[in-house]
Structure formats: structure tokens, C-alpha cells
């Protein structure tokens, strides 16, 4: 699914690389700067932060969508803009290990 942060490829093709980069930072930086690591990156290493904003791919999910499954190798990092999520760790809960909800 596409979100409002995505532009049509034909429009992006008309922009210079520098303008594409600035557009990505303007649209996406607020999602990262709230986290101390990325806030520091934005302040101290703007080139790296700009690259992060450029490769970030916004996705929109519906209620009840499964984003990833336990046991699969992580290929992405997810940043939640709005909404709620649920993590299921049934095997950990039975063993009494801490989970995000009871840790």
C-alpha cells in the first residue's frame, strides 16, 4: 500500500537527486528524530541521517494486518507513526521470560 509520503515515480524522475534527498528528509525526519539515536544522527551526522530518510519506505497497514512472523529473519526495521501493535510470544510467556508487555 502506498502512503501520502510516496510520490509517483514519474514525478520523482523529474527531480534532481539533491531535491529528492531534501524532500525525503522533510517528509520523514520527524518519525526518526523522536528517538535519541536518530536525533543525535540528525544533529551530528546529517549525511547519514539524510541517507536513512531516503531509504525509508513508508507503508500503511490495516487493523489486523500481520507485519512479520516470529522465527523469520528480520530484513527491515519498522517505525510506527500511529496506531497500536501487538506482540505475541506464547513460548516465552509459558517459561516466564520477560516480554515487552510484562517486562
N, C-alpha and C. Protein backbone atom coordinates (compact mmCIF):
# COMPACT_ATOMS: atom_id res chain seq x y z
N UNK A 1 0.84 -1.18 0.00
CA UNK A 1 0.00 0.00 0.00
C UNK A 1 0.88 1.24 0.00
N UNK A 2 0.41 2.24 -0.64
CA UNK A 2 1.16 3.49 -0.71
C UNK A 2 0.63 4.47 0.32
N UNK A 3 1.49 5.35 0.75
CA UNK A 3 1.05 6.37 1.70
C UNK A 3 1.26 7.75 1.09
N UNK A 4 0.85 8.76 1.80
CA UNK A 4 0.99 10.14 1.32
C UNK A 4 2.45 10.56 1.22
N UNK A 5 3.36 9.80 1.85
CA UNK A 5 4.77 10.15 1.80
C UNK A 5 5.45 9.67 0.53
N UNK A 6 4.75 8.96 -0.31
CA UNK A 6 5.32 8.43 -1.54
C UNK A 6 4.85 9.27 -2.72
N UNK A 7 5.79 9.56 -3.60
CA UNK A 7 5.45 10.26 -4.84
C UNK A 7 5.51 9.28 -5.99
N UNK A 8 4.74 9.54 -6.99
CA UNK A 8 4.75 8.73 -8.19
C UNK A 8 6.14 8.76 -8.81
N UNK A 9 6.58 7.63 -9.33
CA UNK A 9 7.92 7.52 -9.92
C UNK A 9 8.13 8.51 -11.06
N UNK A 10 7.08 8.80 -11.82
CA UNK A 10 7.23 9.75 -12.93
C UNK A 10 7.51 11.16 -12.41
N UNK A 11 6.96 11.50 -11.26
CA UNK A 11 7.23 12.81 -10.65
C UNK A 11 8.64 12.83 -10.07
N UNK A 12 9.01 11.77 -9.36
CA UNK A 12 10.36 11.71 -8.79
C UNK A 12 11.44 11.78 -9.87
N UNK A 13 11.14 11.22 -11.03
CA UNK A 13 12.11 11.24 -12.12
C UNK A 13 12.42 12.64 -12.63
N UNK A 14 11.54 13.59 -12.36
CA UNK A 14 11.75 14.97 -12.79
C UNK A 14 12.60 15.78 -11.81
N UNK A 15 12.83 15.24 -10.61
CA UNK A 15 13.55 15.97 -9.57
C UNK A 15 15.03 15.64 -9.58
N UNK A 16 15.84 16.61 -9.19
CA UNK A 16 17.28 16.35 -9.05
C UNK A 16 17.50 15.46 -7.83
N UNK A 17 18.66 14.81 -7.78
CA UNK A 17 18.98 13.95 -6.63
C UNK A 17 18.98 14.75 -5.34
N UNK A 18 19.51 15.94 -5.37
CA UNK A 18 19.54 16.78 -4.18
C UNK A 18 18.13 17.13 -3.70
N UNK A 19 17.25 17.47 -4.63
CA UNK A 19 15.87 17.81 -4.27
C UNK A 19 15.13 16.58 -3.73
N UNK A 20 15.37 15.40 -4.32
CA UNK A 20 14.77 14.17 -3.81
C UNK A 20 15.22 13.91 -2.37
N UNK A 21 16.50 14.14 -2.12
CA UNK A 21 17.05 13.94 -0.79
C UNK A 21 16.42 14.90 0.22
N UNK A 22 16.33 16.17 -0.13
CA UNK A 22 15.74 17.16 0.76
C UNK A 22 14.25 16.87 1.01
N UNK A 23 13.57 16.41 -0.01
CA UNK A 23 12.16 16.06 0.13
C UNK A 23 11.99 14.89 1.11
N UNK A 24 12.85 13.90 0.99
CA UNK A 24 12.80 12.74 1.89
C UNK A 24 13.04 13.16 3.33
N UNK A 25 14.02 14.00 3.56
CA UNK A 25 14.31 14.47 4.92
C UNK A 25 13.14 15.29 5.46
N UNK A 26 12.59 16.16 4.65
CA UNK A 26 11.47 17.00 5.09
C UNK A 26 10.26 16.15 5.45
N UNK A 27 9.96 15.14 4.65
CA UNK A 27 8.78 14.31 4.88
C UNK A 27 8.95 13.30 6.01
N UNK A 28 10.15 12.79 6.18
CA UNK A 28 10.32 11.62 7.04
C UNK A 28 11.09 11.85 8.33
N UNK A 29 11.80 12.94 8.44
CA UNK A 29 12.68 13.14 9.60
C UNK A 29 11.94 13.15 10.92
N UNK A 30 10.73 13.65 10.96
CA UNK A 30 10.01 13.75 12.23
C UNK A 30 9.74 12.38 12.85
N UNK A 31 9.69 11.34 12.05
CA UNK A 31 9.47 10.00 12.58
C UNK A 31 10.72 9.45 13.27
N UNK A 32 11.88 9.90 12.84
CA UNK A 32 13.13 9.40 13.40
C UNK A 32 13.68 10.27 14.52
N UNK A 33 13.53 11.57 14.41
CA UNK A 33 14.17 12.48 15.36
C UNK A 33 13.66 12.33 16.79
N UNK A 34 12.52 11.70 16.98
CA UNK A 34 11.98 11.49 18.32
C UNK A 34 12.82 10.49 19.11
N UNK A 35 13.52 9.60 18.43
CA UNK A 35 14.38 8.61 19.09
C UNK A 35 15.76 9.23 19.30
N UNK A 36 16.33 9.09 20.51
CA UNK A 36 17.63 9.74 20.79
C UNK A 36 18.74 9.38 19.81
N UNK A 37 18.81 8.13 19.38
CA UNK A 37 19.86 7.74 18.44
C UNK A 37 19.73 8.50 17.12
N UNK A 38 18.53 8.54 16.58
CA UNK A 38 18.33 9.21 15.30
C UNK A 38 18.36 10.72 15.44
N UNK A 39 17.94 11.24 16.60
CA UNK A 39 18.05 12.68 16.85
C UNK A 39 19.50 13.12 16.85
N UNK A 40 20.34 12.33 17.51
CA UNK A 40 21.79 12.61 17.51
C UNK A 40 22.35 12.52 16.09
N UNK A 41 21.91 11.52 15.36
CA UNK A 41 22.36 11.36 13.98
C UNK A 41 21.99 12.58 13.15
N UNK A 42 20.77 13.09 13.34
CA UNK A 42 20.32 14.27 12.59
C UNK A 42 21.17 15.49 12.94
N UNK A 43 21.56 15.60 14.21
CA UNK A 43 22.35 16.75 14.66
C UNK A 43 23.82 16.65 14.28
N UNK A 44 24.38 15.45 14.40
CA UNK A 44 25.83 15.29 14.26
C UNK A 44 26.30 14.68 12.94
N UNK A 45 25.43 13.93 12.28
CA UNK A 45 25.83 13.21 11.06
C UNK A 45 24.72 13.34 10.02
N UNK A 46 24.50 14.55 9.56
CA UNK A 46 23.37 14.83 8.67
C UNK A 46 23.41 14.02 7.38
N UNK A 47 24.61 13.71 6.88
CA UNK A 47 24.69 12.93 5.64
C UNK A 47 24.13 11.52 5.85
N UNK A 48 24.47 10.92 6.99
CA UNK A 48 23.97 9.58 7.30
C UNK A 48 22.46 9.64 7.54
N UNK A 49 22.02 10.66 8.26
CA UNK A 49 20.60 10.83 8.52
C UNK A 49 19.83 11.03 7.22
N UNK A 50 20.38 11.79 6.32
CA UNK A 50 19.74 12.01 5.02
C UNK A 50 19.60 10.68 4.27
N UNK A 51 20.66 9.87 4.31
CA UNK A 51 20.59 8.55 3.65
C UNK A 51 19.51 7.68 4.27
N UNK A 52 19.40 7.71 5.60
CA UNK A 52 18.36 6.95 6.28
C UNK A 52 16.97 7.38 5.81
N UNK A 53 16.75 8.69 5.76
CA UNK A 53 15.45 9.20 5.32
C UNK A 53 15.15 8.81 3.88
N UNK A 54 16.18 8.76 3.04
CA UNK A 54 15.97 8.40 1.64
C UNK A 54 15.59 6.94 1.45
N UNK A 55 16.16 6.05 2.24
CA UNK A 55 15.88 4.62 2.05
C UNK A 55 14.65 4.16 2.81
N UNK A 56 14.15 4.97 3.71
CA UNK A 56 12.94 4.65 4.46
C UNK A 56 11.76 4.52 3.50
N UNK A 57 11.02 3.43 3.61
CA UNK A 57 9.87 3.20 2.75
C UNK A 57 8.61 3.21 3.60
N UNK A 58 7.76 4.21 3.44
CA UNK A 58 6.53 4.24 4.22
C UNK A 58 5.53 3.19 3.74
N UNK A 59 4.86 2.56 4.69
CA UNK A 59 3.83 1.57 4.39
C UNK A 59 2.62 1.87 5.27
N UNK A 60 1.45 1.55 4.77
CA UNK A 60 0.22 1.71 5.52
C UNK A 60 -0.38 0.32 5.69
N UNK A 61 -0.74 -0.01 6.93
CA UNK A 61 -1.33 -1.31 7.23
C UNK A 61 -2.72 -1.13 7.82
N UNK A 62 -3.58 -2.08 7.56
CA UNK A 62 -4.94 -2.07 8.10
C UNK A 62 -4.96 -2.77 9.45
N UNK A 63 -5.98 -2.49 10.25
CA UNK A 63 -6.15 -3.19 11.51
C UNK A 63 -6.14 -4.69 11.27
N UNK A 64 -5.40 -5.40 12.09
CA UNK A 64 -5.34 -6.85 11.99
C UNK A 64 -4.30 -7.38 11.02
N UNK A 65 -3.63 -6.52 10.25
CA UNK A 65 -2.59 -6.99 9.33
C UNK A 65 -1.41 -7.55 10.13
N UNK A 66 -0.82 -8.62 9.62
CA UNK A 66 0.40 -9.17 10.21
C UNK A 66 1.58 -8.55 9.49
N UNK A 67 2.46 -7.94 10.26
CA UNK A 67 3.61 -7.24 9.68
C UNK A 67 4.79 -8.20 9.52
N UNK A 68 5.03 -9.02 10.53
CA UNK A 68 6.10 -10.01 10.45
C UNK A 68 5.74 -11.18 11.36
N UNK A 69 6.45 -12.29 11.17
CA UNK A 69 6.18 -13.51 11.91
C UNK A 69 7.38 -13.90 12.76
N UNK A 70 7.10 -14.41 13.93
CA UNK A 70 8.14 -14.90 14.82
C UNK A 70 8.92 -16.01 14.12
N UNK A 71 10.22 -16.00 14.27
CA UNK A 71 11.06 -17.02 13.69
C UNK A 71 11.64 -16.67 12.33
N UNK A 72 11.11 -15.65 11.70
CA UNK A 72 11.65 -15.22 10.40
C UNK A 72 12.80 -14.24 10.62
N UNK A 73 13.76 -14.27 9.73
CA UNK A 73 14.89 -13.36 9.80
C UNK A 73 14.41 -11.94 9.51
N UNK A 74 14.80 -11.01 10.36
CA UNK A 74 14.40 -9.60 10.17
C UNK A 74 15.17 -9.01 9.00
N UNK A 75 14.44 -8.41 8.08
CA UNK A 75 15.04 -7.75 6.93
C UNK A 75 14.82 -6.25 6.97
N UNK A 76 13.94 -5.80 7.87
CA UNK A 76 13.58 -4.39 7.93
C UNK A 76 13.46 -3.94 9.38
N UNK A 77 13.48 -2.66 9.56
CA UNK A 77 13.16 -2.06 10.84
C UNK A 77 11.85 -1.30 10.63
N UNK A 78 10.93 -1.45 11.55
CA UNK A 78 9.63 -0.81 11.44
C UNK A 78 9.56 0.36 12.42
N UNK A 79 9.05 1.48 11.94
CA UNK A 79 8.83 2.66 12.77
C UNK A 79 7.35 2.94 12.74
N UNK A 80 6.73 2.90 13.90
CA UNK A 80 5.29 3.11 13.99
C UNK A 80 4.99 4.59 14.09
N UNK A 81 4.22 5.10 13.14
CA UNK A 81 3.83 6.51 13.15
C UNK A 81 2.60 6.72 14.02
N UNK A 82 1.61 5.87 13.84
CA UNK A 82 0.35 5.98 14.59
C UNK A 82 -0.27 4.60 14.68
N UNK A 83 -1.04 4.39 15.73
CA UNK A 83 -1.74 3.12 15.88
C UNK A 83 -1.17 2.29 16.98
N UNK A 84 -1.63 1.07 17.06
CA UNK A 84 -1.22 0.13 18.09
C UNK A 84 -0.68 -1.13 17.44
N UNK A 85 0.10 -1.87 18.20
CA UNK A 85 0.59 -3.15 17.72
C UNK A 85 0.53 -4.16 18.86
N UNK A 86 0.57 -5.41 18.49
CA UNK A 86 0.56 -6.48 19.48
C UNK A 86 1.67 -7.46 19.14
N UNK A 87 2.45 -7.81 20.15
CA UNK A 87 3.49 -8.82 20.00
C UNK A 87 3.04 -10.09 20.69
N UNK A 88 3.20 -11.21 20.03
CA UNK A 88 2.84 -12.50 20.61
C UNK A 88 4.10 -13.32 20.85
N UNK A 89 4.30 -13.71 22.08
CA UNK A 89 5.42 -14.56 22.46
C UNK A 89 4.91 -15.72 23.33
N UNK A 90 4.07 -16.59 22.80
CA UNK A 90 3.49 -17.62 23.65
C UNK A 90 4.52 -18.53 24.30
N UNK A 91 5.58 -18.92 23.61
CA UNK A 91 6.56 -19.82 24.21
C UNK A 91 7.34 -19.13 25.32
N UNK A 92 7.60 -17.85 25.19
CA UNK A 92 8.32 -17.11 26.23
C UNK A 92 7.45 -16.90 27.46
N UNK A 93 6.18 -16.65 27.26
CA UNK A 93 5.28 -16.40 28.38
C UNK A 93 5.15 -17.66 29.24
N UNK A 94 5.06 -18.82 28.62
CA UNK A 94 4.95 -20.07 29.37
C UNK A 94 6.18 -20.31 30.22
N UNK A 95 7.35 -19.88 29.77
CA UNK A 95 8.58 -20.08 30.52
C UNK A 95 8.81 -18.98 31.54
N UNK A 96 7.99 -17.96 31.52
CA UNK A 96 8.14 -16.87 32.48
C UNK A 96 9.19 -15.85 32.09
N UNK A 97 9.64 -15.87 30.86
CA UNK A 97 10.62 -14.89 30.41
C UNK A 97 9.95 -13.53 30.22
N UNK A 98 10.69 -12.44 30.43
CA UNK A 98 10.08 -11.12 30.23
C UNK A 98 9.71 -10.88 28.77
N UNK A 99 8.61 -10.24 28.55
CA UNK A 99 8.17 -9.82 27.22
C UNK A 99 7.96 -8.32 27.28
N UNK A 100 7.78 -7.67 26.15
CA UNK A 100 7.56 -6.21 26.17
C UNK A 100 6.37 -5.80 27.04
N UNK A 101 5.37 -6.65 27.19
CA UNK A 101 4.19 -6.26 27.95
C UNK A 101 4.35 -6.50 29.45
N UNK A 102 5.20 -7.43 29.88
CA UNK A 102 5.33 -7.67 31.30
C UNK A 102 6.73 -7.43 31.84
N UNK A 103 7.58 -6.83 31.06
CA UNK A 103 8.96 -6.56 31.44
C UNK A 103 9.06 -5.29 32.24
